[in-house]
């Protein structure tokens, strides 16, 4: 029994010795890693900055006509107008295009509003009210459905008026001698 105790104590002493020997080596390896990290950071600071790589996204796209001249240079020049007037006059191409664009935007907005109103009207026609008092009231007078129907009709009239304005503007353009393509 003494022998086994002695053997155990010896094994513990050997293990303790190995642990104490491994600890300084581990600290040294941590120091080596820290030194390597410092060295890498220093090299990264000293390294030249990478050059910027240009891609197609960095270059502005300028159409080129058949003669090799860019159209951007021509856009700065004054555009010829069929009636012989300058482009910045009220009857110039830019003014006509702006007027038509504004009117087309108004028509598109009104059309979207009409679509929303029509969906709301359809929803109101299928509406179920959990409150029996509200359901009975709506069953007899249907005020919310009638209100939405009136709004839909008003929006349709507004769109018709805007379309008439567009037609009148096209006639005005034609009478002034402008290019019909300016209406697009």
N, C-alpha and C. Protein backbone atom coordinates (compact mmCIF):
# COMPACT_ATOMS: atom_id res chain seq x y z
N UNK A 1 0.80 -1.15 0.00
CA UNK A 1 0.00 0.00 0.00
C UNK A 1 0.88 1.26 0.00
N UNK A 2 1.99 1.14 0.74
CA UNK A 2 2.90 2.24 0.70
C UNK A 2 3.45 2.47 -0.69
N UNK A 3 3.68 1.41 -1.37
CA UNK A 3 4.23 1.50 -2.72
C UNK A 3 3.25 2.23 -3.65
N UNK A 4 1.99 1.92 -3.59
CA UNK A 4 1.00 2.58 -4.45
C UNK A 4 0.86 4.04 -4.10
N UNK A 5 0.99 4.37 -2.80
CA UNK A 5 0.93 5.77 -2.40
C UNK A 5 2.13 6.52 -2.94
N UNK A 6 3.27 5.86 -2.84
CA UNK A 6 4.48 6.47 -3.36
C UNK A 6 4.39 6.65 -4.88
N UNK A 7 3.86 5.67 -5.55
CA UNK A 7 3.69 5.74 -7.00
C UNK A 7 2.74 6.87 -7.38
N UNK A 8 1.69 7.03 -6.66
CA UNK A 8 0.73 8.11 -6.93
C UNK A 8 1.37 9.47 -6.71
N UNK A 9 2.09 9.61 -5.63
CA UNK A 9 2.74 10.88 -5.33
C UNK A 9 3.76 11.21 -6.40
N UNK A 10 4.48 10.19 -6.88
CA UNK A 10 5.46 10.40 -7.94
C UNK A 10 4.78 10.84 -9.24
N UNK A 11 3.66 10.21 -9.55
CA UNK A 11 2.93 10.55 -10.78
C UNK A 11 2.40 11.98 -10.70
N UNK A 12 1.95 12.36 -9.52
CA UNK A 12 1.43 13.73 -9.35
C UNK A 12 2.57 14.72 -9.48
N UNK A 13 3.73 14.39 -8.92
CA UNK A 13 4.89 15.29 -9.02
C UNK A 13 5.32 15.46 -10.47
N UNK A 14 5.32 14.35 -11.21
CA UNK A 14 5.70 14.41 -12.64
C UNK A 14 4.70 15.27 -13.40
N UNK A 15 3.43 15.09 -13.17
CA UNK A 15 2.40 15.87 -13.85
C UNK A 15 2.53 17.35 -13.50
N UNK A 16 2.78 17.64 -12.23
CA UNK A 16 2.93 19.02 -11.79
C UNK A 16 4.16 19.65 -12.46
N UNK A 17 5.19 18.88 -12.60
CA UNK A 17 6.40 19.37 -13.27
C UNK A 17 6.15 19.66 -14.74
N UNK A 18 5.40 18.76 -15.38
CA UNK A 18 5.08 18.97 -16.80
C UNK A 18 4.21 20.21 -17.00
N UNK A 19 3.28 20.41 -16.09
CA UNK A 19 2.39 21.57 -16.19
C UNK A 19 3.18 22.85 -16.02
N UNK A 20 4.10 22.88 -15.09
CA UNK A 20 4.90 24.09 -14.89
C UNK A 20 5.84 24.34 -16.04
N UNK A 21 6.30 23.30 -16.69
CA UNK A 21 7.15 23.47 -17.86
C UNK A 21 6.34 23.97 -19.07
N UNK A 22 5.11 23.53 -19.21
CA UNK A 22 4.27 23.91 -20.37
C UNK A 22 3.77 25.33 -20.25
N UNK A 23 3.58 25.85 -19.06
CA UNK A 23 3.04 27.18 -18.86
C UNK A 23 3.94 28.26 -19.43
N UNK A 24 5.25 28.29 -19.16
CA UNK A 24 6.08 29.33 -19.77
C UNK A 24 6.10 29.23 -21.29
N UNK A 25 6.03 28.05 -21.83
CA UNK A 25 6.02 27.89 -23.28
C UNK A 25 4.75 28.47 -23.87
N UNK A 26 3.64 28.32 -23.15
CA UNK A 26 2.38 28.87 -23.63
C UNK A 26 2.43 30.39 -23.60
N UNK A 27 2.98 30.99 -22.56
CA UNK A 27 3.12 32.43 -22.49
C UNK A 27 4.01 32.94 -23.62
N UNK A 28 5.04 32.18 -23.90
CA UNK A 28 5.95 32.58 -24.97
C UNK A 28 5.24 32.53 -26.31
N UNK A 29 4.37 31.52 -26.53
CA UNK A 29 3.64 31.44 -27.80
C UNK A 29 2.65 32.59 -27.91
N UNK A 30 2.03 33.01 -26.77
CA UNK A 30 1.14 34.16 -26.80
C UNK A 30 1.91 35.43 -27.15
N UNK A 31 3.13 35.55 -26.62
CA UNK A 31 3.96 36.70 -26.95
C UNK A 31 4.32 36.70 -28.42
N UNK A 32 4.60 35.50 -28.97
CA UNK A 32 4.94 35.40 -30.39
C UNK A 32 3.75 35.82 -31.27
N UNK A 33 2.54 35.41 -30.88
CA UNK A 33 1.35 35.77 -31.65
C UNK A 33 1.12 37.28 -31.60
N UNK A 34 1.29 37.87 -30.41
CA UNK A 34 1.09 39.31 -30.26
C UNK A 34 2.13 40.07 -31.09
N UNK A 35 3.37 39.59 -31.07
CA UNK A 35 4.42 40.25 -31.85
C UNK A 35 4.11 40.13 -33.35
N UNK A 36 3.64 38.98 -33.77
CA UNK A 36 3.30 38.79 -35.18
C UNK A 36 2.14 39.71 -35.58
N UNK A 37 1.17 39.89 -34.69
CA UNK A 37 0.04 40.77 -34.99
C UNK A 37 0.50 42.23 -35.10
N UNK A 38 1.40 42.64 -34.18
CA UNK A 38 1.94 44.00 -34.28
C UNK A 38 2.71 44.21 -35.58
N UNK A 39 3.48 43.22 -35.94
CA UNK A 39 4.26 43.31 -37.18
C UNK A 39 3.34 43.39 -38.40
N UNK A 40 2.26 42.61 -38.41
CA UNK A 40 1.31 42.63 -39.53
C UNK A 40 0.62 43.99 -39.62
N UNK A 41 0.23 44.58 -38.47
CA UNK A 41 -0.39 45.91 -38.49
C UNK A 41 0.56 46.96 -39.02
N UNK A 42 1.82 46.87 -38.61
CA UNK A 42 2.82 47.84 -39.07
C UNK A 42 3.02 47.71 -40.59
N UNK A 43 3.06 46.48 -41.08
CA UNK A 43 3.22 46.27 -42.53
C UNK A 43 2.01 46.80 -43.28
N UNK A 44 0.85 46.64 -42.68
CA UNK A 44 -0.37 47.12 -43.34
C UNK A 44 -0.38 48.64 -43.42
N UNK A 45 0.14 49.31 -42.38
CA UNK A 45 0.22 50.77 -42.41
C UNK A 45 1.22 51.24 -43.44
N UNK A 46 2.34 50.51 -43.55
CA UNK A 46 3.39 50.91 -44.47
C UNK A 46 3.09 50.54 -45.92
N UNK A 47 2.16 49.63 -46.14
CA UNK A 47 1.86 49.17 -47.51
C UNK A 47 1.21 50.31 -48.30
N UNK A 48 1.48 50.39 -49.61
CA UNK A 48 0.85 51.44 -50.42
C UNK A 48 -0.65 51.17 -50.56
N UNK A 49 -1.39 52.25 -50.68
CA UNK A 49 -2.84 52.13 -50.83
C UNK A 49 -3.16 51.47 -52.17
N UNK A 50 -4.16 50.59 -52.22
CA UNK A 50 -4.52 49.97 -53.50
C UNK A 50 -5.10 51.01 -54.44
N UNK A 51 -4.81 50.86 -55.70
CA UNK A 51 -5.31 51.80 -56.70
C UNK A 51 -6.79 51.52 -56.95
N UNK A 52 -7.54 52.57 -57.25
CA UNK A 52 -8.98 52.42 -57.52
C UNK A 52 -9.18 51.76 -58.87
N UNK A 53 -10.01 50.77 -58.87
CA UNK A 53 -10.34 50.07 -60.10
C UNK A 53 -11.62 50.69 -60.65
N UNK A 54 -11.56 51.17 -61.86
CA UNK A 54 -12.74 51.78 -62.49
C UNK A 54 -13.60 50.69 -63.11
N UNK A 55 -14.89 50.82 -62.90
CA UNK A 55 -15.84 49.91 -63.50
C UNK A 55 -16.78 50.70 -64.40
N UNK A 56 -17.66 50.03 -65.08
CA UNK A 56 -18.62 50.71 -65.95
C UNK A 56 -19.56 51.63 -65.15
N UNK A 57 -19.78 51.29 -63.87
CA UNK A 57 -20.64 52.12 -63.04
C UNK A 57 -20.01 53.47 -62.73
N UNK A 58 -18.66 53.54 -62.76
CA UNK A 58 -17.97 54.79 -62.46
C UNK A 58 -17.91 55.74 -63.64
N UNK A 59 -18.12 55.23 -64.83
CA UNK A 59 -18.01 56.05 -66.04
C UNK A 59 -19.40 56.46 -66.49
N UNK A 60 -19.65 57.77 -66.64
CA UNK A 60 -20.99 58.18 -67.10
C UNK A 60 -21.20 57.75 -68.54
N UNK A 61 -22.42 57.33 -68.81
CA UNK A 61 -22.71 56.86 -70.16
C UNK A 61 -23.17 58.04 -71.01
N UNK A 62 -22.46 58.30 -72.07
CA UNK A 62 -22.78 59.38 -73.00
C UNK A 62 -22.91 58.75 -74.37
N UNK A 63 -24.10 58.78 -74.97
CA UNK A 63 -24.26 58.18 -76.28
C UNK A 63 -23.38 58.89 -77.31
N UNK A 64 -22.88 58.12 -78.25
CA UNK A 64 -22.04 58.65 -79.31
C UNK A 64 -22.75 58.42 -80.63
N UNK A 65 -22.81 59.46 -81.47
CA UNK A 65 -23.45 59.29 -82.77
C UNK A 65 -22.45 58.68 -83.76
N UNK A 66 -22.88 58.45 -84.99
CA UNK A 66 -22.06 57.78 -85.99
C UNK A 66 -20.78 58.52 -86.33
N UNK A 67 -20.74 59.82 -86.17
CA UNK A 67 -19.56 60.59 -86.52
C UNK A 67 -18.50 60.54 -85.43
N UNK A 68 -18.79 59.88 -84.29
CA UNK A 68 -17.82 59.77 -83.20
C UNK A 68 -17.93 60.90 -82.19
N UNK A 69 -18.81 61.86 -82.41
CA UNK A 69 -19.00 62.96 -81.47
C UNK A 69 -20.00 62.55 -80.42
N UNK A 70 -19.75 62.97 -79.19
CA UNK A 70 -20.70 62.62 -78.14
C UNK A 70 -21.91 63.53 -78.24
N UNK A 71 -23.03 62.98 -77.89
CA UNK A 71 -24.27 63.77 -77.94
C UNK A 71 -24.34 64.77 -76.80
N UNK A 72 -23.56 64.54 -75.74
CA UNK A 72 -23.57 65.47 -74.62
C UNK A 72 -23.06 66.83 -75.07
N UNK A 73 -22.08 66.85 -75.96
CA UNK A 73 -21.56 68.12 -76.45
C UNK A 73 -22.62 68.85 -77.26
N UNK A 74 -23.42 68.08 -78.00
CA UNK A 74 -24.47 68.70 -78.80
C UNK A 74 -25.61 69.22 -77.95
N UNK A 75 -25.84 68.58 -76.77
CA UNK A 75 -26.96 69.01 -75.94
C UNK A 75 -26.72 70.39 -75.37
N UNK A 76 -25.44 70.78 -75.22
CA UNK A 76 -25.14 72.11 -74.72
C UNK A 76 -25.41 73.17 -75.78
N UNK A 77 -25.31 72.76 -77.04
CA UNK A 77 -25.58 73.70 -78.12
C UNK A 77 -27.09 73.93 -78.20
N UNK A 78 -27.47 74.97 -78.88
CA UNK A 78 -28.88 75.27 -79.00
C UNK A 78 -29.52 74.32 -80.00
N UNK A 79 -30.67 73.75 -79.61
CA UNK A 79 -31.37 72.82 -80.48
C UNK A 79 -32.19 73.61 -81.48
N UNK A 80 -32.20 73.16 -82.72
CA UNK A 80 -33.02 73.86 -83.69
C UNK A 80 -34.50 73.59 -83.45
N UNK A 81 -35.31 74.58 -83.64
CA UNK A 81 -36.75 74.47 -83.45
C UNK A 81 -37.39 74.69 -84.81
N UNK A 82 -38.44 73.92 -85.11
CA UNK A 82 -39.06 73.96 -86.43
C UNK A 82 -39.56 75.35 -86.78
N UNK A 83 -40.07 76.08 -85.80
CA UNK A 83 -40.64 77.39 -86.10
C UNK A 83 -39.56 78.47 -86.13
N UNK A 84 -38.30 78.13 -85.92
CA UNK A 84 -37.23 79.10 -85.98
C UNK A 84 -37.04 79.87 -84.69
N UNK A 85 -37.72 79.48 -83.61
CA UNK A 85 -37.61 80.18 -82.34
C UNK A 85 -36.58 79.49 -81.46
N UNK A 86 -36.11 80.18 -80.46
CA UNK A 86 -35.17 79.59 -79.53
C UNK A 86 -35.88 78.58 -78.65
N UNK A 87 -35.11 77.65 -78.07
CA UNK A 87 -35.69 76.57 -77.27
C UNK A 87 -36.26 77.07 -75.95
N UNK A 88 -35.79 78.20 -75.44
CA UNK A 88 -36.27 78.67 -74.15
C UNK A 88 -37.50 79.57 -74.26
N UNK A 89 -38.02 79.78 -75.43
CA UNK A 89 -39.22 80.59 -75.61
C UNK A 89 -40.45 79.76 -75.24
N UNK A 90 -41.57 80.42 -75.00
CA UNK A 90 -42.79 79.68 -74.62
C UNK A 90 -43.24 78.68 -75.69
N UNK A 91 -42.88 78.90 -76.93
CA UNK A 91 -43.27 77.98 -77.99
C UNK A 91 -42.13 77.06 -78.38
N UNK A 92 -41.08 76.99 -77.57
CA UNK A 92 -39.94 76.12 -77.84
C UNK A 92 -40.23 74.68 -77.44
N UNK A 93 -39.38 73.80 -77.91
CA UNK A 93 -39.56 72.37 -77.66
C UNK A 93 -39.56 72.05 -76.16
N UNK A 94 -38.63 72.63 -75.41
CA UNK A 94 -38.53 72.33 -73.98
C UNK A 94 -39.81 72.74 -73.24
N UNK A 95 -40.34 73.89 -73.60
CA UNK A 95 -41.57 74.36 -72.95
C UNK A 95 -42.75 73.44 -73.26
N UNK A 96 -42.86 73.04 -74.52
CA UNK A 96 -43.97 72.14 -74.90
C UNK A 96 -43.83 70.80 -74.20
N UNK A 97 -42.63 70.24 -74.18
CA UNK A 97 -42.42 68.93 -73.54
C UNK A 97 -42.75 69.01 -72.04
N UNK A 98 -42.37 70.11 -71.42
CA UNK A 98 -42.65 70.27 -69.99
C UNK A 98 -44.15 70.33 -69.73
N UNK A 99 -44.87 71.08 -70.56
CA UNK A 99 -46.32 71.19 -70.40
C UNK A 99 -47.00 69.83 -70.57
N UNK A 100 -46.56 69.09 -71.61
CA UNK A 100 -47.16 67.77 -71.83
C UNK A 100 -46.79 66.81 -70.71
N UNK A 101 -45.57 66.87 -70.22
CA UNK A 101 -45.16 65.98 -69.13
C UNK A 101 -45.99 66.24 -67.88
N UNK A 102 -46.20 67.50 -67.55
CA UNK A 102 -47.00 67.83 -66.37
C UNK A 102 -48.43 67.31 -66.51
N UNK A 103 -49.00 67.47 -67.70
CA UNK A 103 -50.36 67.01 -67.91
C UNK A 103 -50.45 65.48 -67.87
N UNK A 104 -49.46 64.80 -68.45
CA UNK A 104 -49.45 63.33 -68.40
C UNK A 104 -49.31 62.84 -66.95
N UNK A 105 -48.51 63.53 -66.14
CA UNK A 105 -48.36 63.15 -64.74
C UNK A 105 -49.67 63.34 -63.98
N UNK A 106 -50.38 64.43 -64.26
CA UNK A 106 -51.67 64.66 -63.61
C UNK A 106 -52.66 63.56 -63.96
N UNK A 107 -52.67 63.17 -65.24
CA UNK A 107 -53.59 62.12 -65.68
C UNK A 107 -53.23 60.80 -65.00
N UNK A 108 -51.95 60.46 -64.93
CA UNK A 108 -51.53 59.20 -64.31
C UNK A 108 -51.90 59.19 -62.82
N UNK A 109 -51.71 60.30 -62.14
CA UNK A 109 -52.05 60.38 -60.71
C UNK A 109 -53.56 60.23 -60.51
N UNK A 110 -54.33 60.91 -61.33
CA UNK A 110 -55.79 60.82 -61.22
C UNK A 110 -56.26 59.40 -61.50
N UNK A 111 -55.62 58.72 -62.46
CA UNK A 111 -56.00 57.34 -62.78
C UNK A 111 -55.70 56.41 -61.60
N UNK A 112 -54.57 56.62 -60.95
CA UNK A 112 -54.24 55.80 -59.78
C UNK A 112 -55.23 56.06 -58.64
N UNK A 113 -55.59 57.31 -58.43
CA UNK A 113 -56.57 57.63 -57.40
C UNK A 113 -57.92 57.00 -57.71
N UNK A 114 -58.29 56.99 -58.98
CA UNK A 114 -59.55 56.35 -59.38
C UNK A 114 -59.52 54.85 -59.09
N UNK A 115 -58.39 54.21 -59.37
CA UNK A 115 -58.26 52.78 -59.08
C UNK A 115 -58.45 52.50 -57.59
N UNK A 116 -57.85 53.33 -56.76
CA UNK A 116 -57.98 53.14 -55.30
C UNK A 116 -59.44 53.34 -54.88
N UNK A 117 -60.07 54.39 -55.39
CA UNK A 117 -61.46 54.65 -55.03
C UNK A 117 -62.38 53.51 -55.47
N UNK A 118 -62.11 52.95 -56.65
CA UNK A 118 -62.94 51.83 -57.13
C UNK A 118 -62.75 50.60 -56.25
N UNK A 119 -61.52 50.33 -55.79
CA UNK A 119 -61.31 49.20 -54.89
C UNK A 119 -62.01 49.41 -53.55
N UNK A 120 -61.97 50.64 -53.06
CA UNK A 120 -62.66 50.94 -51.79
C UNK A 120 -64.17 50.79 -51.95
N UNK A 121 -64.69 51.19 -53.08
CA UNK A 121 -66.13 51.04 -53.34
C UNK A 121 -66.51 49.57 -53.37
N UNK A 122 -65.70 48.75 -54.04
CA UNK A 122 -66.00 47.31 -54.08
C UNK A 122 -65.94 46.70 -52.69
N UNK A 123 -64.99 47.15 -51.88
CA UNK A 123 -64.87 46.64 -50.51
C UNK A 123 -66.09 47.04 -49.69
N UNK A 124 -66.55 48.29 -49.86
CA UNK A 124 -67.72 48.75 -49.11
C UNK A 124 -68.98 48.00 -49.52
N UNK A 125 -69.05 47.61 -50.76
CA UNK A 125 -70.24 46.87 -51.21
C UNK A 125 -70.29 45.47 -50.60
N UNK A 126 -69.14 44.93 -50.23
CA UNK A 126 -69.09 43.60 -49.62
C UNK A 126 -68.86 43.66 -48.12
N UNK A 127 -68.91 44.83 -47.54
CA UNK A 127 -68.58 45.04 -46.13
C UNK A 127 -69.56 44.31 -45.23
N UNK A 128 -69.02 43.70 -44.20
CA UNK A 128 -69.83 43.06 -43.17
C UNK A 128 -69.59 43.81 -41.88
N UNK A 129 -70.65 44.23 -41.22
CA UNK A 129 -70.54 44.97 -39.97
C UNK A 129 -70.88 44.05 -38.82
N UNK A 130 -69.97 43.94 -37.85
CA UNK A 130 -70.23 43.08 -36.69
C UNK A 130 -71.21 43.74 -35.74
N UNK A 131 -71.31 45.07 -35.80
CA UNK A 131 -72.26 45.79 -34.97
C UNK A 131 -73.62 45.73 -35.66
N UNK A 132 -74.59 45.10 -35.07
CA UNK A 132 -75.89 44.95 -35.74
C UNK A 132 -76.58 46.30 -36.00
N UNK A 133 -76.36 47.26 -35.12
CA UNK A 133 -76.98 48.58 -35.32
C UNK A 133 -76.42 49.23 -36.59
N UNK A 134 -75.10 49.18 -36.76
CA UNK A 134 -74.45 49.75 -37.95
C UNK A 134 -74.88 48.99 -39.20
N UNK A 135 -74.97 47.66 -39.11
CA UNK A 135 -75.38 46.85 -40.26
C UNK A 135 -76.79 47.21 -40.70
N UNK A 136 -77.68 47.40 -39.74
CA UNK A 136 -79.06 47.72 -40.09
C UNK A 136 -79.14 49.12 -40.71
N UNK A 137 -78.37 50.08 -40.18
CA UNK A 137 -78.37 51.43 -40.73
C UNK A 137 -77.85 51.42 -42.16
N UNK A 138 -76.75 50.70 -42.40
CA UNK A 138 -76.16 50.66 -43.74
C UNK A 138 -77.04 49.87 -44.71
N UNK A 139 -77.81 48.95 -44.19
CA UNK A 139 -78.70 48.16 -45.04
C UNK A 139 -79.79 49.05 -45.64
N UNK A 140 -80.17 50.09 -44.93
CA UNK A 140 -81.25 50.94 -45.41
C UNK A 140 -80.77 52.16 -46.19
N UNK A 141 -79.69 52.82 -45.73
CA UNK A 141 -79.30 54.04 -46.45
C UNK A 141 -77.99 53.90 -47.23
N UNK A 142 -77.12 52.95 -46.89
CA UNK A 142 -75.85 52.69 -47.60
C UNK A 142 -75.07 53.97 -47.89
N UNK A 143 -74.96 54.83 -46.89
CA UNK A 143 -74.32 56.13 -47.08
C UNK A 143 -72.84 56.00 -47.46
N UNK A 144 -72.13 55.04 -46.85
CA UNK A 144 -70.70 54.91 -47.18
C UNK A 144 -70.51 54.46 -48.63
N UNK A 145 -71.37 53.56 -49.11
CA UNK A 145 -71.28 53.10 -50.50
C UNK A 145 -71.63 54.25 -51.44
N UNK A 146 -72.66 55.00 -51.10
CA UNK A 146 -73.06 56.13 -51.95
C UNK A 146 -71.98 57.21 -51.98
N UNK A 147 -71.32 57.45 -50.84
CA UNK A 147 -70.23 58.44 -50.80
C UNK A 147 -69.08 58.02 -51.70
N UNK A 148 -68.70 56.75 -51.62
CA UNK A 148 -67.60 56.28 -52.48
C UNK A 148 -68.00 56.29 -53.95
N UNK A 149 -69.25 55.96 -54.24
CA UNK A 149 -69.71 55.99 -55.64
C UNK A 149 -69.66 57.42 -56.18
N UNK A 150 -70.01 58.39 -55.36
CA UNK A 150 -69.95 59.79 -55.78
C UNK A 150 -68.50 60.22 -56.01
N UNK A 151 -67.58 59.77 -55.15
CA UNK A 151 -66.17 60.10 -55.34
C UNK A 151 -65.62 59.48 -56.62
N UNK A 152 -66.04 58.26 -56.92
CA UNK A 152 -65.58 57.59 -58.15
C UNK A 152 -66.07 58.37 -59.37
N UNK A 153 -67.32 58.78 -59.36
CA UNK A 153 -67.86 59.54 -60.48
C UNK A 153 -67.15 60.89 -60.65
N UNK A 154 -66.86 61.55 -59.53
CA UNK A 154 -66.16 62.83 -59.59
C UNK A 154 -64.75 62.64 -60.17
N UNK A 155 -64.08 61.57 -59.78
CA UNK A 155 -62.73 61.31 -60.28
C UNK A 155 -62.77 60.97 -61.77
N UNK A 156 -63.81 60.26 -62.22
CA UNK A 156 -63.94 59.97 -63.65
C UNK A 156 -64.14 61.25 -64.45
N UNK A 157 -64.93 62.18 -63.90
CA UNK A 157 -65.12 63.47 -64.57
C UNK A 157 -63.82 64.25 -64.62
N UNK A 158 -63.03 64.18 -63.55
CA UNK A 158 -61.74 64.88 -63.52
C UNK A 158 -60.81 64.30 -64.59
N UNK A 159 -60.79 62.98 -64.72
CA UNK A 159 -59.93 62.35 -65.74
C UNK A 159 -60.39 62.74 -67.13
N UNK A 160 -61.72 62.78 -67.36
CA UNK A 160 -62.22 63.22 -68.66
C UNK A 160 -61.80 64.65 -68.96
N UNK A 161 -61.85 65.52 -67.94
CA UNK A 161 -61.45 66.91 -68.13
C UNK A 161 -59.95 67.01 -68.46
N UNK A 162 -59.14 66.20 -67.77
CA UNK A 162 -57.70 66.20 -68.04
C UNK A 162 -57.40 65.68 -69.44
N UNK A 163 -58.13 64.65 -69.86
CA UNK A 163 -57.94 64.14 -71.23
C UNK A 163 -58.35 65.18 -72.26
N UNK A 164 -59.39 65.96 -71.97
CA UNK A 164 -59.80 67.03 -72.88
C UNK A 164 -58.72 68.12 -72.93
N UNK A 165 -58.12 68.43 -71.77
CA UNK A 165 -57.03 69.40 -71.74
C UNK A 165 -55.84 68.91 -72.59
N UNK A 166 -55.57 67.61 -72.51
CA UNK A 166 -54.49 67.04 -73.32
C UNK A 166 -54.79 67.17 -74.80
N UNK A 167 -56.03 66.89 -75.17
CA UNK A 167 -56.43 67.02 -76.57
C UNK A 167 -56.32 68.47 -77.04
N UNK A 168 -56.76 69.40 -76.20
CA UNK A 168 -56.67 70.82 -76.54
C UNK A 168 -55.21 71.26 -76.67
N UNK A 169 -54.37 70.76 -75.80
CA UNK A 169 -52.95 71.12 -75.86
C UNK A 169 -52.30 70.57 -77.13
N UNK A 170 -52.70 69.37 -77.54
CA UNK A 170 -52.18 68.81 -78.79
C UNK A 170 -52.63 69.65 -79.98
N UNK A 171 -53.89 70.10 -79.96
CA UNK A 171 -54.38 70.98 -81.03
C UNK A 171 -53.61 72.29 -81.05
N UNK A 172 -53.36 72.85 -79.88
CA UNK A 172 -52.61 74.09 -79.78
C UNK A 172 -51.19 73.93 -80.32
N UNK A 173 -50.57 72.79 -80.02
CA UNK A 173 -49.23 72.50 -80.54
C UNK A 173 -49.24 72.41 -82.06
N UNK A 174 -50.24 71.73 -82.58
CA UNK A 174 -50.36 71.58 -84.03
C UNK A 174 -50.55 72.94 -84.71
N UNK A 175 -51.37 73.79 -84.12
CA UNK A 175 -51.64 75.11 -84.70
C UNK A 175 -50.41 76.01 -84.64
N UNK A 176 -49.58 75.83 -83.60
CA UNK A 176 -48.40 76.69 -83.49
C UNK A 176 -47.27 76.23 -84.42
N UNK A 177 -47.43 75.09 -85.07
CA UNK A 177 -46.43 74.60 -86.01
C UNK A 177 -45.35 73.77 -85.34
N UNK A 178 -45.57 73.31 -84.11
CA UNK A 178 -44.58 72.50 -83.40
C UNK A 178 -44.59 71.06 -83.88
N UNK A 179 -43.55 70.35 -83.53
CA UNK A 179 -43.42 68.94 -83.89
C UNK A 179 -44.35 68.10 -83.03
N UNK A 180 -45.18 67.22 -83.61
CA UNK A 180 -46.08 66.38 -82.82
C UNK A 180 -45.34 65.47 -81.85
N UNK A 181 -44.08 65.18 -82.10
CA UNK A 181 -43.31 64.34 -81.20
C UNK A 181 -43.07 64.98 -79.85
N UNK A 182 -43.22 66.29 -79.75
CA UNK A 182 -43.02 66.97 -78.48
C UNK A 182 -44.11 66.61 -77.48
N UNK A 183 -45.22 66.07 -77.94
CA UNK A 183 -46.35 65.74 -77.06
C UNK A 183 -46.09 64.45 -76.28
N UNK A 184 -45.07 63.71 -76.62
CA UNK A 184 -44.81 62.43 -75.95
C UNK A 184 -44.02 62.61 -74.70
